[in-house]
C-alpha atoms as a PDB file:
ATOM      1  CA  MET A   1      -0.024  -0.123   0.229  1.00  0.00           C
ATOM      2  CA  LYS A   2       2.699   2.316   1.148  1.00  0.00           C
ATOM      3  CA  SER A   3       4.860   1.697  -2.378  1.00  0.00           C
ATOM      4  CA  ARG A   4       1.709   2.371  -4.062  1.00  0.00           C
ATOM      5  CA  ALA A   5       1.166   5.609  -2.767  1.00  0.00           C
ATOM      6  CA  LYS A   6       4.614   6.328  -3.410  1.00  0.00           C
ATOM      7  CA  ARG A   7       4.082   5.634  -6.917  1.00  0.00           C
ATOM      8  CA  LYS A   8       0.980   7.889  -7.067  1.00  0.00           C
ATOM      9  CA  ALA A   9       2.705  10.846  -5.412  1.00  0.00           C
ATOM     10  CA  LEU A  10       5.814  10.469  -7.712  1.00  0.00           C
ATOM     11  CA  TRP A  11       3.250  10.515 -10.566  1.00  0.00           C
ATOM     12  CA  CYS A  12       1.379  13.731  -9.341  1.00  0.00           C
ATOM     13  CA  LEU A  13       4.692  15.398  -8.734  1.00  0.00           C
ATOM     14  CA  PHE A  14       5.946  14.825 -12.507  1.00  0.00           C
ATOM     15  CA  ILE A  15       2.692  15.688 -14.165  1.00  0.00           C
ATOM     16  CA  LEU A  16       2.707  19.121 -11.760  1.00  0.00           C
ATOM     17  CA  ALA A  17       6.234  19.577 -13.004  1.00  0.00           C
ATOM     18  CA  VAL A  18       5.344  18.821 -16.572  1.00  0.00           C
ATOM     19  CA  LEU A  19       2.388  21.574 -16.384  1.00  0.00           C
ATOM     20  CA  MET A  20       4.737  24.210 -14.829  1.00  0.00           C
ATOM     21  CA  PHE A  21       7.175  23.492 -17.366  1.00  0.00           C
ATOM     22  CA  CYS A  22       4.687  23.826 -19.973  1.00  0.00           C
ATOM     23  CA  LEU A  23       3.123  26.969 -18.441  1.00  0.00           C
ATOM     24  CA  LEU A  24       6.638  28.706 -18.300  1.00  0.00           C
ATOM     25  CA  HIS A  25       7.424  27.861 -21.715  1.00  0.00           C
ATOM     26  CA  TRP A  26       4.204  28.261 -23.367  1.00  0.00           C
ATOM     27  CA  GLY A  27       1.951  30.538 -21.074  1.00  0.00           C
ATOM     28  CA  GLY A  28       2.763  33.758 -22.500  1.00  0.00           C
ATOM     29  CA  GLU A  29       1.604  32.740 -25.677  1.00  0.00           C
ATOM     30  CA  LEU A  30      -1.722  31.805 -24.056  1.00  0.00           C
ATOM     31  CA  LEU A  31      -2.596  35.530 -23.931  1.00  0.00           C
ATOM     32  CA  VAL A  32      -1.976  36.131 -27.870  1.00  0.00           C
ATOM     33  CA  SER A  33      -4.152  35.988 -30.359  1.00  0.00           C
ATOM     34  CA  VAL A  34      -3.652  37.946 -33.510  1.00  0.00           C
ATOM     35  CA  ASP A  35      -5.418  38.063 -37.148  1.00  0.00           C
ATOM     36  CA  SER A  36      -4.262  37.996 -40.542  1.00  0.00           C
ATOM     37  CA  LEU A  37      -4.971  41.483 -41.277  1.00  0.00           C
ATOM     38  CA  PRO A  38      -6.734  42.345 -44.961  1.00  0.00           C
ATOM     39  CA  ALA A  39      -5.238  44.719 -47.519  1.00  0.00           C
ATOM     40  CA  HIS A  40      -7.828  47.235 -46.888  1.00  0.00           C
ATOM     41  CA  VAL A  41      -9.908  48.335 -43.670  1.00  0.00           C
ATOM     42  CA  ASP A  42     -11.884  51.471 -42.684  1.00  0.00           C
ATOM     43  CA  ALA A  43     -10.225  52.507 -39.814  1.00  0.00           C
ATOM     44  CA  ALA A  44      -7.671  51.081 -36.966  1.00  0.00           C
ATOM     45  CA  VAL A  45      -9.008  51.578 -33.381  1.00  0.00           C
ATOM     46  CA  VAL A  46      -6.519  51.844 -31.002  1.00  0.00           C
ATOM     47  CA  LEU A  47      -7.578  50.939 -27.437  1.00  0.00           C
ATOM     48  CA  GLN A  48      -6.253  52.877 -24.094  1.00  0.00           C
ATOM     49  CA  GLY A  49      -4.079  51.213 -21.798  1.00  0.00           C
ATOM     50  CA  SER A  50      -0.976  52.356 -19.551  1.00  0.00           C
ATOM     51  CA  SER A  51       1.078  55.449 -20.722  1.00  0.00           C
ATOM     52  CA  ILE A  52       3.565  53.168 -22.415  1.00  0.00           C
ATOM     53  CA  GLY A  53       1.084  50.871 -23.584  1.00  0.00           C
ATOM     54  CA  GLU A  54      -0.929  53.567 -25.405  1.00  0.00           C
ATOM     55  CA  ARG A  55       1.988  55.115 -27.217  1.00  0.00           C
ATOM     56  CA  VAL A  56       3.130  51.725 -28.611  1.00  0.00           C
ATOM     57  CA  ARG A  57      -0.801  51.133 -29.678  1.00  0.00           C
ATOM     58  CA  LEU A  58      -0.764  54.343 -31.423  1.00  0.00           C
ATOM     59  CA  ALA A  59       2.520  53.848 -33.048  1.00  0.00           C
ATOM     60  CA  GLY A  60       1.263  50.368 -34.508  1.00  0.00           C
ATOM     61  CA  ALA A  61      -1.686  51.787 -35.660  1.00  0.00           C
ATOM     62  CA  MET A  62       0.004  54.906 -37.273  1.00  0.00           C
ATOM     63  CA  ARG A  63       2.149  52.044 -38.862  1.00  0.00           C
ATOM     64  CA  LEU A  64      -0.692  50.440 -40.096  1.00  0.00           C
ATOM     65  CA  LEU A  65      -2.174  53.952 -41.424  1.00  0.00           C
ATOM     66  CA  GLN A  66       1.201  54.418 -43.443  1.00  0.00           C
ATOM     67  CA  GLN A  67       0.670  51.192 -44.876  1.00  0.00           C
ATOM     68  CA  GLY A  68      -2.549  52.499 -46.152  1.00  0.00           C
ATOM     69  CA  ILE A  69      -4.479  49.451 -44.703  1.00  0.00           C
ATOM     70  CA  PRO A  70      -6.927  51.547 -42.948  1.00  0.00           C
ATOM     71  CA  ASN A  71      -8.241  54.959 -44.226  1.00  0.00           C
ATOM     72  CA  ARG A  72      -8.546  56.603 -40.415  1.00  0.00           C
ATOM     73  CA  VAL A  73      -7.366  55.935 -36.971  1.00  0.00           C
ATOM     74  CA  LEU A  74     -10.012  56.022 -34.093  1.00  0.00           C
ATOM     75  CA  LEU A  75      -8.145  56.775 -30.711  1.00  0.00           C
ATOM     76  CA  SER A  76      -9.818  55.972 -27.530  1.00  0.00           C
ATOM     77  CA  VAL A  77      -9.147  58.753 -25.255  1.00  0.00           C
ATOM     78  CA  PRO A  78     -10.355  60.092 -21.683  1.00  0.00           C
ATOM     79  CA  ARG A  79     -12.679  63.079 -21.723  1.00  0.00           C
ATOM     80  CA  GLU A  80     -10.196  64.709 -19.380  1.00  0.00           C
ATOM     81  CA  SER A  81      -6.984  64.601 -17.691  1.00  0.00           C
ATOM     82  CA  TYR A  82      -6.567  63.426 -14.070  1.00  0.00           C
ATOM     83  CA  TRP A  83      -6.381  67.453 -13.580  1.00  0.00           C
ATOM     84  CA  GLY A  84      -9.295  68.296 -15.318  1.00  0.00           C
ATOM     85  CA  ALA A  85      -7.625  69.144 -18.697  1.00  0.00           C
ATOM     86  CA  SER A  86      -9.179  68.577 -22.112  1.00  0.00           C
ATOM     87  CA  ILE A  87      -7.110  65.059 -23.804  1.00  0.00           C
ATOM     88  CA  PRO A  88      -7.919  65.956 -27.339  1.00  0.00           C
ATOM     89  CA  PRO A  89      -6.050  69.352 -27.912  1.00  0.00           C
ATOM     90  CA  MET A  90      -3.508  67.267 -25.950  1.00  0.00           C
ATOM     91  CA  ALA A  91      -3.459  64.382 -28.164  1.00  0.00           C
ATOM     92  CA  ARG A  92      -3.783  66.018 -31.699  1.00  0.00           C
ATOM     93  CA  SER A  93      -0.601  68.174 -30.769  1.00  0.00           C
ATOM     94  CA  TYR A  94       1.383  64.675 -29.792  1.00  0.00           C
ATOM     95  CA  LEU A  95       0.411  63.532 -33.198  1.00  0.00           C
ATOM     96  CA  GLU A  96       1.562  66.278 -35.383  1.00  0.00           C
ATOM     97  CA  LYS A  97       4.562  66.648 -33.643  1.00  0.00           C
ATOM     98  CA  ASN A  98       5.506  62.770 -33.799  1.00  0.00           C
ATOM     99  CA  TYR A  99       3.986  61.945 -37.074  1.00  0.00           C
ATOM    100  CA  GLY A 100       3.243  64.804 -38.858  1.00  0.00           C
ATOM    101  CA  VAL A 101       0.319  67.426 -39.857  1.00  0.00           C
ATOM    102  CA  ASP A 102      -0.934  65.041 -42.821  1.00  0.00           C
ATOM    103  CA  ALA A 103      -1.031  61.836 -40.509  1.00  0.00           C
ATOM    104  CA  ALA A 104      -2.492  63.497 -37.519  1.00  0.00           C
ATOM    105  CA  GLY A 105      -5.405  64.856 -40.038  1.00  0.00           C
ATOM    106  CA  LYS A 106      -6.405  61.061 -40.636  1.00  0.00           C
ATOM    107  CA  VAL A 107      -6.825  60.875 -36.794  1.00  0.00           C
ATOM    108  CA  ASP A 108     -10.284  60.965 -34.817  1.00  0.00           C
ATOM    109  CA  PHE A 109     -10.826  60.670 -31.333  1.00  0.00           C
ATOM    110  CA  CYS A 110     -13.513  58.987 -29.401  1.00  0.00           C
ATOM    111  CA  GLU A 111     -13.898  60.383 -26.149  1.00  0.00           C
ATOM    112  CA  THR A 112     -15.191  57.896 -23.168  1.00  0.00           C
ATOM    113  CA  GLY A 113     -16.585  58.734 -19.666  1.00  0.00           C
ATOM    114  CA  ALA A 114     -14.982  58.233 -16.104  1.00  0.00           C
ATOM    115  CA  ASP A 115     -17.648  55.060 -16.183  1.00  0.00           C
ATOM    116  CA  VAL A 116     -15.214  52.997 -18.710  1.00  0.00           C
ATOM    117  CA  ASN A 117     -13.043  50.973 -16.685  1.00  0.00           C
ATOM    118  CA  SER A 118     -13.138  47.684 -18.713  1.00  0.00           C
ATOM    119  CA  THR A 119     -12.329  46.273 -22.314  1.00  0.00           C
ATOM    120  CA  GLU A 120     -15.987  45.452 -22.305  1.00  0.00           C
ATOM    121  CA  GLU A 121     -17.220  48.988 -21.698  1.00  0.00           C
ATOM    122  CA  GLU A 122     -14.382  50.655 -23.895  1.00  0.00           C
ATOM    123  CA  ALA A 123     -15.720  48.183 -27.001  1.00  0.00           C
ATOM    124  CA  ARG A 124     -19.593  49.461 -26.025  1.00  0.00           C
ATOM    125  CA  ALA A 125     -18.234  53.055 -25.899  1.00  0.00           C
ATOM    126  CA  LEU A 126     -16.290  52.989 -29.293  1.00  0.00           C
ATOM    127  CA  ASP A 127     -19.086  50.925 -31.176  1.00  0.00           C
ATOM    128  CA  VAL A 128     -20.719  54.254 -30.953  1.00  0.00           C
ATOM    129  CA  CYS A 129     -18.104  56.024 -32.475  1.00  0.00           C
ATOM    130  CA  VAL A 130     -17.486  53.572 -35.129  1.00  0.00           C
ATOM    131  CA  ARG A 131     -21.009  53.261 -36.163  1.00  0.00           C
ATOM    132  CA  GLN A 132     -21.290  57.277 -36.372  1.00  0.00           C
ATOM    133  CA  HIS A 133     -18.432  57.499 -38.873  1.00  0.00           C
ATOM    134  CA  GLY A 134     -19.989  54.630 -40.807  1.00  0.00           C
ATOM    135  CA  TRP A 135     -17.321  52.046 -40.736  1.00  0.00           C
ATOM    136  CA  GLN A 136     -18.032  48.674 -41.609  1.00  0.00           C
ATOM    137  CA  SER A 137     -14.546  47.197 -41.551  1.00  0.00           C
ATOM    138  CA  ILE A 138     -12.224  47.938 -38.352  1.00  0.00           C
ATOM    139  CA  VAL A 139      -8.710  46.965 -36.955  1.00  0.00           C
ATOM    140  CA  VAL A 140      -8.454  46.771 -33.030  1.00  0.00           C
ATOM    141  CA  VAL A 141      -5.012  47.719 -32.144  1.00  0.00           C
ATOM    142  CA  THR A 142      -3.909  46.896 -28.573  1.00  0.00           C
ATOM    143  CA  SER A 143      -1.051  45.339 -26.789  1.00  0.00           C
ATOM    144  CA  ASP A 144      -0.103  41.595 -27.965  1.00  0.00           C
ATOM    145  CA  TYR A 145      -0.879  40.330 -24.167  1.00  0.00           C
ATOM    146  CA  HIS A 146      -4.391  41.576 -24.521  1.00  0.00           C
ATOM    147  CA  THR A 147      -5.230  40.499 -28.164  1.00  0.00           C
ATOM    148  CA  ARG A 148      -6.936  37.055 -26.917  1.00  0.00           C
ATOM    149  CA  ARG A 149      -8.940  38.458 -24.674  1.00  0.00           C
ATOM    150  CA  ALA A 150      -9.983  41.659 -26.382  1.00  0.00           C
ATOM    151  CA  GLY A 151     -10.411  39.455 -29.746  1.00  0.00           C
ATOM    152  CA  MET A 152     -13.076  37.748 -27.982  1.00  0.00           C
ATOM    153  CA  ILE A 153     -14.970  40.396 -25.965  1.00  0.00           C
ATOM    154  CA  TRP A 154     -15.255  42.923 -29.370  1.00  0.00           C
ATOM    155  CA  ARG A 155     -16.412  40.061 -31.363  1.00  0.00           C
ATOM    156  CA  LYS A 156     -19.134  39.213 -28.939  1.00  0.00           C
ATOM    157  CA  THR A 157     -19.955  43.157 -28.404  1.00  0.00           C
ATOM    158  CA  VAL A 158     -19.401  45.011 -31.657  1.00  0.00           C
ATOM    159  CA  LYS A 159     -21.099  42.096 -33.232  1.00  0.00           C
ATOM    160  CA  HIS A 160     -23.904  41.985 -30.709  1.00  0.00           C
ATOM    161  CA  LEU A 161     -24.643  45.388 -31.508  1.00  0.00           C
ATOM    162  CA  ASP A 162     -24.090  45.387 -35.155  1.00  0.00           C
ATOM    163  CA  PRO A 163     -23.394  42.221 -36.940  1.00  0.00           C
ATOM    164  CA  SER A 164     -22.730  43.873 -39.991  1.00  0.00           C
ATOM    165  CA  ILE A 165     -19.088  45.176 -38.871  1.00  0.00           C
ATOM    166  CA  HIS A 166     -16.076  42.978 -40.021  1.00  0.00           C
ATOM    167  CA  LEU A 167     -13.352  43.224 -37.434  1.00  0.00           C
ATOM    168  CA  TRP A 168      -9.822  41.920 -37.009  1.00  0.00           C
ATOM    169  CA  VAL A 169      -7.329  42.209 -33.935  1.00  0.00           C
ATOM    170  CA  HIS A 170      -3.636  43.791 -34.245  1.00  0.00           C
ATOM    171  CA  GLY A 171      -1.501  43.204 -31.674  1.00  0.00           C
ATOM    172  CA  VAL A 172       1.559  45.439 -30.921  1.00  0.00           C
ATOM    173  CA  ASP A 173       5.123  44.713 -29.006  1.00  0.00           C
ATOM    174  CA  ASP A 174       4.388  45.985 -25.275  1.00  0.00           C
ATOM    175  CA  PRO A 175       7.718  47.088 -23.422  1.00  0.00           C
ATOM    176  CA  GLU A 176       5.338  45.731 -20.368  1.00  0.00           C
ATOM    177  CA  PHE A 177       5.485  42.283 -21.211  1.00  0.00           C
ATOM    178  CA  GLN A 178       7.256  39.607 -23.017  1.00  0.00           C
ATOM    179  CA  SER A 179       5.836  36.061 -24.310  1.00  0.00           C
ATOM    180  CA  ARG A 180       9.290  34.085 -23.740  1.00  0.00           C
ATOM    181  CA  GLY A 181      10.688  34.272 -20.600  1.00  0.00           C
ATOM    182  CA  TRP A 182       7.625  36.166 -18.919  1.00  0.00           C
ATOM    183  CA  TRP A 183       8.640  34.681 -15.656  1.00  0.00           C
ATOM    184  CA  ARG A 184      12.241  36.416 -15.510  1.00  0.00           C
ATOM    185  CA  LYS A 185      11.237  40.026 -14.901  1.00  0.00           C
ATOM    186  CA  ARG A 186       8.527  41.126 -11.946  1.00  0.00           C
ATOM    187  CA  LEU A 187       6.614  43.934 -14.276  1.00  0.00           C
ATOM    188  CA  TYR A 188       6.042  40.589 -17.263  1.00  0.00           C
ATOM    189  CA  ALA A 189       4.836  38.113 -14.115  1.00  0.00           C
ATOM    190  CA  LYS A 190       2.467  40.862 -12.811  1.00  0.00           C
ATOM    191  CA  THR A 191       1.448  41.768 -16.543  1.00  0.00           C
ATOM    192  CA  TRP A 192       0.981  38.033 -17.470  1.00  0.00           C
ATOM    193  CA  LEU A 193      -0.713  37.319 -13.761  1.00  0.00           C
ATOM    194  CA  LEU A 194      -3.275  39.976 -14.458  1.00  0.00           C
ATOM    195  CA  GLU A 195      -4.407  39.151 -18.082  1.00  0.00           C
ATOM    196  CA  PHE A 196      -4.215  35.835 -17.382  1.00  0.00           C
ATOM    197  CA  THR A 197      -6.803  36.290 -14.338  1.00  0.00           C
ATOM    198  CA  LYS A 198      -8.908  38.272 -16.648  1.00  0.00           C
ATOM    199  CA  LEU A 199      -8.414  35.833 -19.520  1.00  0.00           C
ATOM    200  CA  ILE A 200      -9.900  32.800 -17.199  1.00  0.00           C
ATOM    201  CA  TRP A 201     -12.629  35.133 -15.906  1.00  0.00           C
ATOM    202  CA  THR A 202     -13.635  35.912 -19.388  1.00  0.00           C
ATOM    203  CA  GLU A 203     -13.756  32.362 -20.582  1.00  0.00           C
ATOM    204  CA  LEU A 204     -15.594  30.774 -17.073  1.00  0.00           C
ATOM    205  CA  PHE A 205     -18.376  33.811 -17.247  1.00  0.00           C
ATOM    206  CA  GLY A 206     -18.077  35.340 -20.353  1.00  0.00           C
ATOM    207  CA  TRP A 207     -19.981  38.142 -21.771  1.00  0.00           C
ATOM    208  CA  THR A 208     -23.156  39.371 -21.053  1.00  0.00           C
ATOM    209  CA  GLU A 209     -25.787  42.003 -22.641  1.00  0.00           C
ATOM    210  CA  ASN A 210     -25.787  44.643 -19.510  1.00  0.00           C
ATOM    211  CA  GLY A 211     -21.952  44.626 -19.725  1.00  0.00           C
ATOM    212  CA  LYS A 212     -22.002  43.395 -15.993  1.00  0.00           C
END
């Protein structure tokens, strides 16, 4: 009996070790799911993120614009900063300085309220702006580690509100995360743990019409 229990314990440890190895080796890729982009879409939609994350997301969308894939770029921004200043004028100045007046002129802003604090709520808010422009095909641009969850939420949310919209997800490299060796740096591990927890929550509890 003791020998059998010992073998079971060893097998459990072996399986646990294999699972841990797989998680460390491929865990970062669980968060990533990007689409092959079409030759042309109406707009690239840039999701909000951290200050660093949003800059690289914007840069990714502007690269797509330079390649001629989207006609326009839609940038999601809060209505005002922490200090009450309007965001769009500051964002417009940043765009003109870094990408030129012509490229900046192809960027539209979608202002979100203080109640928007999740990917689903942002999708609902941006869907209003997308439909106001009459766009039928969009590329959602976000950080690579956010692509799988964002794709799931956007397809369920936007397709529910307007089934005619065609949607793709484009991921960009984010300094706050690296899929290979994500456990080797505290910031990467923190990003992975938070995003993986949200992904599991989305998988288990899904999406609801009321956004809760």
